[in-house]
């Protein structure tokens, strides 16, 4: 996750799900919030993948929960299909791939060592692992999702690509 400061945190797990995304975002914010007390809004650029899309019910539920927990306004901005080359995180992944190119990633220690060797904008990343049980296929029931949808402010011109979530209680109030 990259803030305007250019710092990088890499969080790894056994497999990617919407709940893993939610837990990673919370873990990351716990790590950095003391440095960014002035921040009131996070803008998160996403690739519209299957685990984090603007239509994925469990992902949207977790983002609403994060907004309420953190007190931050969350703005989800999605790159259109086939435009990931404009996403800075893709260049970050390219840098990481260079460090583990040809290495058999057989255990967490090897993954961590390779990730710590990379640099992003002249700095080594913070690297950690998120452990947990992350079942796939979790879907929010329609009745609950109806309530959650009322919390999503979708852009009138780009509703699939621009979503804002306001916390129930803004931070610092």
C-alpha atoms as a PDB file:
ATOM      1  CA  UNK A   1       0.000   0.000   0.000  1.00  0.00           C
ATOM      2  CA  UNK A   2       1.444   3.296  -1.044  1.00  0.00           C
ATOM      3  CA  UNK A   3       0.677   6.671   0.411  1.00  0.00           C
ATOM      4  CA  UNK A   4       1.677   9.845  -1.332  1.00  0.00           C
ATOM      5  CA  UNK A   5       4.882   9.592   0.702  1.00  0.00           C
ATOM      6  CA  UNK A   6       5.986   6.676  -1.473  1.00  0.00           C
ATOM      7  CA  UNK A   7       6.400   4.278   1.439  1.00  0.00           C
ATOM      8  CA  UNK A   8       5.507   0.685   0.712  1.00  0.00           C
ATOM      9  CA  UNK A   9       4.073  -2.071   2.894  1.00  0.00           C
ATOM     10  CA  UNK A  10       3.819  -5.601   1.532  1.00  0.00           C
ATOM     11  CA  UNK A  11       1.409  -7.940   3.301  1.00  0.00           C
ATOM     12  CA  UNK A  12       1.328 -11.608   2.365  1.00  0.00           C
ATOM     13  CA  UNK A  13      -1.063 -14.434   3.171  1.00  0.00           C
ATOM     14  CA  UNK A  14      -1.996 -17.923   2.064  1.00  0.00           C
ATOM     15  CA  UNK A  15      -4.553 -16.771  -0.490  1.00  0.00           C
ATOM     16  CA  UNK A  16      -6.385 -13.630  -1.531  1.00  0.00           C
ATOM     17  CA  UNK A  17     -10.019 -13.098  -0.609  1.00  0.00           C
ATOM     18  CA  UNK A  18     -12.172 -10.053   0.121  1.00  0.00           C
ATOM     19  CA  UNK A  19     -11.721 -10.720   3.846  1.00  0.00           C
ATOM     20  CA  UNK A  20      -7.957 -10.911   3.407  1.00  0.00           C
ATOM     21  CA  UNK A  21      -8.096  -7.497   1.714  1.00  0.00           C
ATOM     22  CA  UNK A  22     -10.076  -6.106   4.644  1.00  0.00           C
ATOM     23  CA  UNK A  23      -7.696  -7.546   7.235  1.00  0.00           C
ATOM     24  CA  UNK A  24      -4.660  -6.256   5.325  1.00  0.00           C
ATOM     25  CA  UNK A  25      -6.079  -2.756   5.135  1.00  0.00           C
ATOM     26  CA  UNK A  26      -6.777  -2.740   8.881  1.00  0.00           C
ATOM     27  CA  UNK A  27      -3.320  -4.151   9.729  1.00  0.00           C
ATOM     28  CA  UNK A  28      -1.649  -1.594   7.464  1.00  0.00           C
ATOM     29  CA  UNK A  29      -3.566   1.313   8.988  1.00  0.00           C
ATOM     30  CA  UNK A  30      -2.613   0.166  12.503  1.00  0.00           C
ATOM     31  CA  UNK A  31       1.036   0.290  11.402  1.00  0.00           C
ATOM     32  CA  UNK A  32       0.956   3.758   9.855  1.00  0.00           C
ATOM     33  CA  UNK A  33      -1.856   5.759  11.437  1.00  0.00           C
ATOM     34  CA  UNK A  34       0.393   7.346  14.063  1.00  0.00           C
ATOM     35  CA  UNK A  35       2.365   8.993  11.214  1.00  0.00           C
ATOM     36  CA  UNK A  36      -0.751  10.177   9.400  1.00  0.00           C
ATOM     37  CA  UNK A  37      -3.017  11.612  12.087  1.00  0.00           C
ATOM     38  CA  UNK A  38      -3.952  14.438   9.715  1.00  0.00           C
ATOM     39  CA  UNK A  39      -5.345  12.044   7.077  1.00  0.00           C
ATOM     40  CA  UNK A  40      -9.137  12.018   6.886  1.00  0.00           C
ATOM     41  CA  UNK A  41      -9.599  10.254   3.561  1.00  0.00           C
ATOM     42  CA  UNK A  42      -7.951   7.328   1.827  1.00  0.00           C
ATOM     43  CA  UNK A  43      -8.126   7.050  -1.927  1.00  0.00           C
ATOM     44  CA  UNK A  44      -7.505   3.447  -2.916  1.00  0.00           C
ATOM     45  CA  UNK A  45      -6.710   2.625  -6.539  1.00  0.00           C
ATOM     46  CA  UNK A  46      -7.807  -0.871  -7.523  1.00  0.00           C
ATOM     47  CA  UNK A  47      -7.630  -3.098 -10.577  1.00  0.00           C
ATOM     48  CA  UNK A  48     -11.233  -4.386 -10.388  1.00  0.00           C
ATOM     49  CA  UNK A  49     -10.067  -7.927  -9.747  1.00  0.00           C
ATOM     50  CA  UNK A  50     -12.513 -10.597  -8.609  1.00  0.00           C
ATOM     51  CA  UNK A  51     -11.696 -10.199  -4.896  1.00  0.00           C
ATOM     52  CA  UNK A  52     -11.901  -6.398  -4.757  1.00  0.00           C
ATOM     53  CA  UNK A  53     -14.368  -5.334  -7.408  1.00  0.00           C
ATOM     54  CA  UNK A  54     -16.980  -2.653  -6.869  1.00  0.00           C
ATOM     55  CA  UNK A  55     -19.674  -5.316  -7.155  1.00  0.00           C
ATOM     56  CA  UNK A  56     -18.123  -7.847  -4.764  1.00  0.00           C
ATOM     57  CA  UNK A  57     -20.494  -7.794  -1.788  1.00  0.00           C
ATOM     58  CA  UNK A  58     -18.071  -9.090   0.841  1.00  0.00           C
ATOM     59  CA  UNK A  59     -15.372  -6.654  -0.272  1.00  0.00           C
ATOM     60  CA  UNK A  60     -17.742  -3.690  -0.081  1.00  0.00           C
ATOM     61  CA  UNK A  61     -18.939  -4.837   3.353  1.00  0.00           C
ATOM     62  CA  UNK A  62     -15.346  -4.976   4.599  1.00  0.00           C
ATOM     63  CA  UNK A  63     -14.580  -1.514   3.203  1.00  0.00           C
ATOM     64  CA  UNK A  64     -17.626  -0.094   5.002  1.00  0.00           C
ATOM     65  CA  UNK A  65     -16.495  -1.801   8.213  1.00  0.00           C
ATOM     66  CA  UNK A  66     -13.016  -0.331   7.752  1.00  0.00           C
ATOM     67  CA  UNK A  67     -14.403   3.167   7.196  1.00  0.00           C
ATOM     68  CA  UNK A  68     -16.478   2.913  10.384  1.00  0.00           C
ATOM     69  CA  UNK A  69     -13.607   1.428  12.408  1.00  0.00           C
ATOM     70  CA  UNK A  70     -10.992   3.939  11.228  1.00  0.00           C
ATOM     71  CA  UNK A  71     -13.227   6.999  10.931  1.00  0.00           C
ATOM     72  CA  UNK A  72     -11.748   7.613   7.483  1.00  0.00           C
ATOM     73  CA  UNK A  73     -13.649   8.394   4.324  1.00  0.00           C
ATOM     74  CA  UNK A  74     -12.736   5.733   1.774  1.00  0.00           C
ATOM     75  CA  UNK A  75     -12.765   6.392  -1.936  1.00  0.00           C
ATOM     76  CA  UNK A  76     -12.393   3.359  -4.176  1.00  0.00           C
ATOM     77  CA  UNK A  77     -11.179   4.204  -7.675  1.00  0.00           C
ATOM     78  CA  UNK A  78     -10.974   1.387 -10.197  1.00  0.00           C
ATOM     79  CA  UNK A  79      -8.843   1.256 -13.295  1.00  0.00           C
ATOM     80  CA  UNK A  80     -10.866   0.207 -16.343  1.00  0.00           C
ATOM     81  CA  UNK A  81     -10.119  -3.219 -17.828  1.00  0.00           C
ATOM     82  CA  UNK A  82      -6.738  -3.466 -19.576  1.00  0.00           C
ATOM     83  CA  UNK A  83      -5.436  -0.249 -17.994  1.00  0.00           C
ATOM     84  CA  UNK A  84      -3.441  -1.714 -15.114  1.00  0.00           C
ATOM     85  CA  UNK A  85      -0.258  -0.384 -16.720  1.00  0.00           C
ATOM     86  CA  UNK A  86      -1.217   3.009 -15.286  1.00  0.00           C
ATOM     87  CA  UNK A  87      -1.421   1.668 -11.744  1.00  0.00           C
ATOM     88  CA  UNK A  88       1.815   2.403  -9.831  1.00  0.00           C
ATOM     89  CA  UNK A  89       1.466  -0.840  -7.876  1.00  0.00           C
ATOM     90  CA  UNK A  90       2.109  -2.773 -11.083  1.00  0.00           C
ATOM     91  CA  UNK A  91       5.591  -1.224 -11.270  1.00  0.00           C
ATOM     92  CA  UNK A  92       6.075  -2.186  -7.643  1.00  0.00           C
ATOM     93  CA  UNK A  93       5.207  -5.818  -8.429  1.00  0.00           C
ATOM     94  CA  UNK A  94       7.673  -5.743 -11.325  1.00  0.00           C
ATOM     95  CA  UNK A  95      10.399  -4.679  -8.888  1.00  0.00           C
ATOM     96  CA  UNK A  96       9.454  -7.469  -6.492  1.00  0.00           C
ATOM     97  CA  UNK A  97       9.437 -10.056  -9.295  1.00  0.00           C
ATOM     98  CA  UNK A  98      13.021  -9.119 -10.125  1.00  0.00           C
ATOM     99  CA  UNK A  99      14.030 -10.024  -6.561  1.00  0.00           C
ATOM    100  CA  UNK A 100      12.400 -13.422  -6.554  1.00  0.00           C
ATOM    101  CA  UNK A 101      12.903 -14.284 -10.209  1.00  0.00           C
ATOM    102  CA  UNK A 102      14.017 -17.914 -10.369  1.00  0.00           C
ATOM    103  CA  UNK A 103      13.718 -18.443  -6.592  1.00  0.00           C
ATOM    104  CA  UNK A 104      11.523 -21.280  -5.367  1.00  0.00           C
ATOM    105  CA  UNK A 105       9.129 -19.622  -2.942  1.00  0.00           C
ATOM    106  CA  UNK A 106       8.737 -22.657  -0.703  1.00  0.00           C
ATOM    107  CA  UNK A 107       8.305 -20.969   2.679  1.00  0.00           C
ATOM    108  CA  UNK A 108       7.499 -17.655   4.314  1.00  0.00           C
ATOM    109  CA  UNK A 109      11.168 -17.027   5.194  1.00  0.00           C
ATOM    110  CA  UNK A 110      12.227 -17.073   1.530  1.00  0.00           C
ATOM    111  CA  UNK A 111       9.301 -14.872   0.467  1.00  0.00           C
ATOM    112  CA  UNK A 112      10.089 -12.370   3.237  1.00  0.00           C
ATOM    113  CA  UNK A 113      13.827 -12.296   2.461  1.00  0.00           C
ATOM    114  CA  UNK A 114      13.204 -11.633  -1.244  1.00  0.00           C
ATOM    115  CA  UNK A 115      10.627  -8.944  -0.475  1.00  0.00           C
ATOM    116  CA  UNK A 116      12.943  -7.189   1.995  1.00  0.00           C
ATOM    117  CA  UNK A 117      15.718  -7.082  -0.629  1.00  0.00           C
ATOM    118  CA  UNK A 118      13.647  -5.070  -3.090  1.00  0.00           C
ATOM    119  CA  UNK A 119      13.518  -1.288  -3.081  1.00  0.00           C
ATOM    120  CA  UNK A 120      10.711   1.053  -4.033  1.00  0.00           C
ATOM    121  CA  UNK A 121      11.628   4.678  -4.629  1.00  0.00           C
ATOM    122  CA  UNK A 122      14.944   4.050  -2.906  1.00  0.00           C
ATOM    123  CA  UNK A 123      13.470   2.461   0.228  1.00  0.00           C
ATOM    124  CA  UNK A 124      13.036  -1.089   1.420  1.00  0.00           C
ATOM    125  CA  UNK A 125       9.414  -2.016   2.145  1.00  0.00           C
ATOM    126  CA  UNK A 126       7.829  -3.023   5.424  1.00  0.00           C
ATOM    127  CA  UNK A 127       7.021  -6.719   5.000  1.00  0.00           C
ATOM    128  CA  UNK A 128       4.646  -8.812   7.089  1.00  0.00           C
ATOM    129  CA  UNK A 129       2.356 -11.791   6.904  1.00  0.00           C
ATOM    130  CA  UNK A 130      -1.348 -11.886   7.727  1.00  0.00           C
ATOM    131  CA  UNK A 131      -2.466 -15.231   9.061  1.00  0.00           C
ATOM    132  CA  UNK A 132      -6.047 -16.341   9.189  1.00  0.00           C
ATOM    133  CA  UNK A 133      -8.711 -18.550   7.761  1.00  0.00           C
ATOM    134  CA  UNK A 134     -10.033 -16.953   4.575  1.00  0.00           C
ATOM    135  CA  UNK A 135     -12.792 -19.018   3.009  1.00  0.00           C
ATOM    136  CA  UNK A 136     -13.660 -18.285  -0.598  1.00  0.00           C
ATOM    137  CA  UNK A 137     -17.099 -17.560  -1.992  1.00  0.00           C
ATOM    138  CA  UNK A 138     -18.398 -15.519   0.968  1.00  0.00           C
ATOM    139  CA  UNK A 139     -21.474 -13.587  -0.141  1.00  0.00           C
ATOM    140  CA  UNK A 140     -23.431 -11.010   1.840  1.00  0.00           C
ATOM    141  CA  UNK A 141     -27.175 -11.820   1.955  1.00  0.00           C
ATOM    142  CA  UNK A 142     -29.353  -9.572  -0.222  1.00  0.00           C
ATOM    143  CA  UNK A 143     -31.224  -8.015   2.724  1.00  0.00           C
ATOM    144  CA  UNK A 144     -27.966  -7.026   4.436  1.00  0.00           C
ATOM    145  CA  UNK A 145     -26.470  -5.829   1.160  1.00  0.00           C
ATOM    146  CA  UNK A 146     -29.459  -3.571   0.580  1.00  0.00           C
ATOM    147  CA  UNK A 147     -28.583  -1.727   3.812  1.00  0.00           C
ATOM    148  CA  UNK A 148     -24.885  -1.631   2.910  1.00  0.00           C
ATOM    149  CA  UNK A 149     -25.609  -0.266  -0.575  1.00  0.00           C
ATOM    150  CA  UNK A 150     -27.218   2.766   1.053  1.00  0.00           C
ATOM    151  CA  UNK A 151     -23.757   3.589   2.475  1.00  0.00           C
ATOM    152  CA  UNK A 152     -22.083   3.572  -0.954  1.00  0.00           C
ATOM    153  CA  UNK A 153     -21.932   6.827  -2.869  1.00  0.00           C
ATOM    154  CA  UNK A 154     -21.370   5.839  -6.469  1.00  0.00           C
ATOM    155  CA  UNK A 155     -20.342   8.404  -9.050  1.00  0.00           C
ATOM    156  CA  UNK A 156     -23.204   9.381 -11.319  1.00  0.00           C
ATOM    157  CA  UNK A 157     -20.913   9.247 -14.364  1.00  0.00           C
ATOM    158  CA  UNK A 158     -18.711   6.243 -13.451  1.00  0.00           C
ATOM    159  CA  UNK A 159     -20.673   4.188 -10.887  1.00  0.00           C
ATOM    160  CA  UNK A 160     -18.605   1.023 -11.420  1.00  0.00           C
ATOM    161  CA  UNK A 161     -15.274   2.825 -11.091  1.00  0.00           C
ATOM    162  CA  UNK A 162     -15.718   5.483  -8.389  1.00  0.00           C
ATOM    163  CA  UNK A 163     -17.232   4.660  -4.980  1.00  0.00           C
ATOM    164  CA  UNK A 164     -17.064   6.755  -1.811  1.00  0.00           C
ATOM    165  CA  UNK A 165     -17.792   5.395   1.665  1.00  0.00           C
ATOM    166  CA  UNK A 166     -18.208   7.813   4.541  1.00  0.00           C
ATOM    167  CA  UNK A 167     -17.713   6.578   8.105  1.00  0.00           C
ATOM    168  CA  UNK A 168     -20.584   6.652  10.570  1.00  0.00           C
ATOM    169  CA  UNK A 169     -18.473   8.863  12.808  1.00  0.00           C
ATOM    170  CA  UNK A 170     -15.680  10.841  11.139  1.00  0.00           C
ATOM    171  CA  UNK A 171     -12.252  10.599  12.690  1.00  0.00           C
ATOM    172  CA  UNK A 172     -11.231  13.225  15.218  1.00  0.00           C
ATOM    173  CA  UNK A 173     -14.748  14.240  16.169  1.00  0.00           C
END
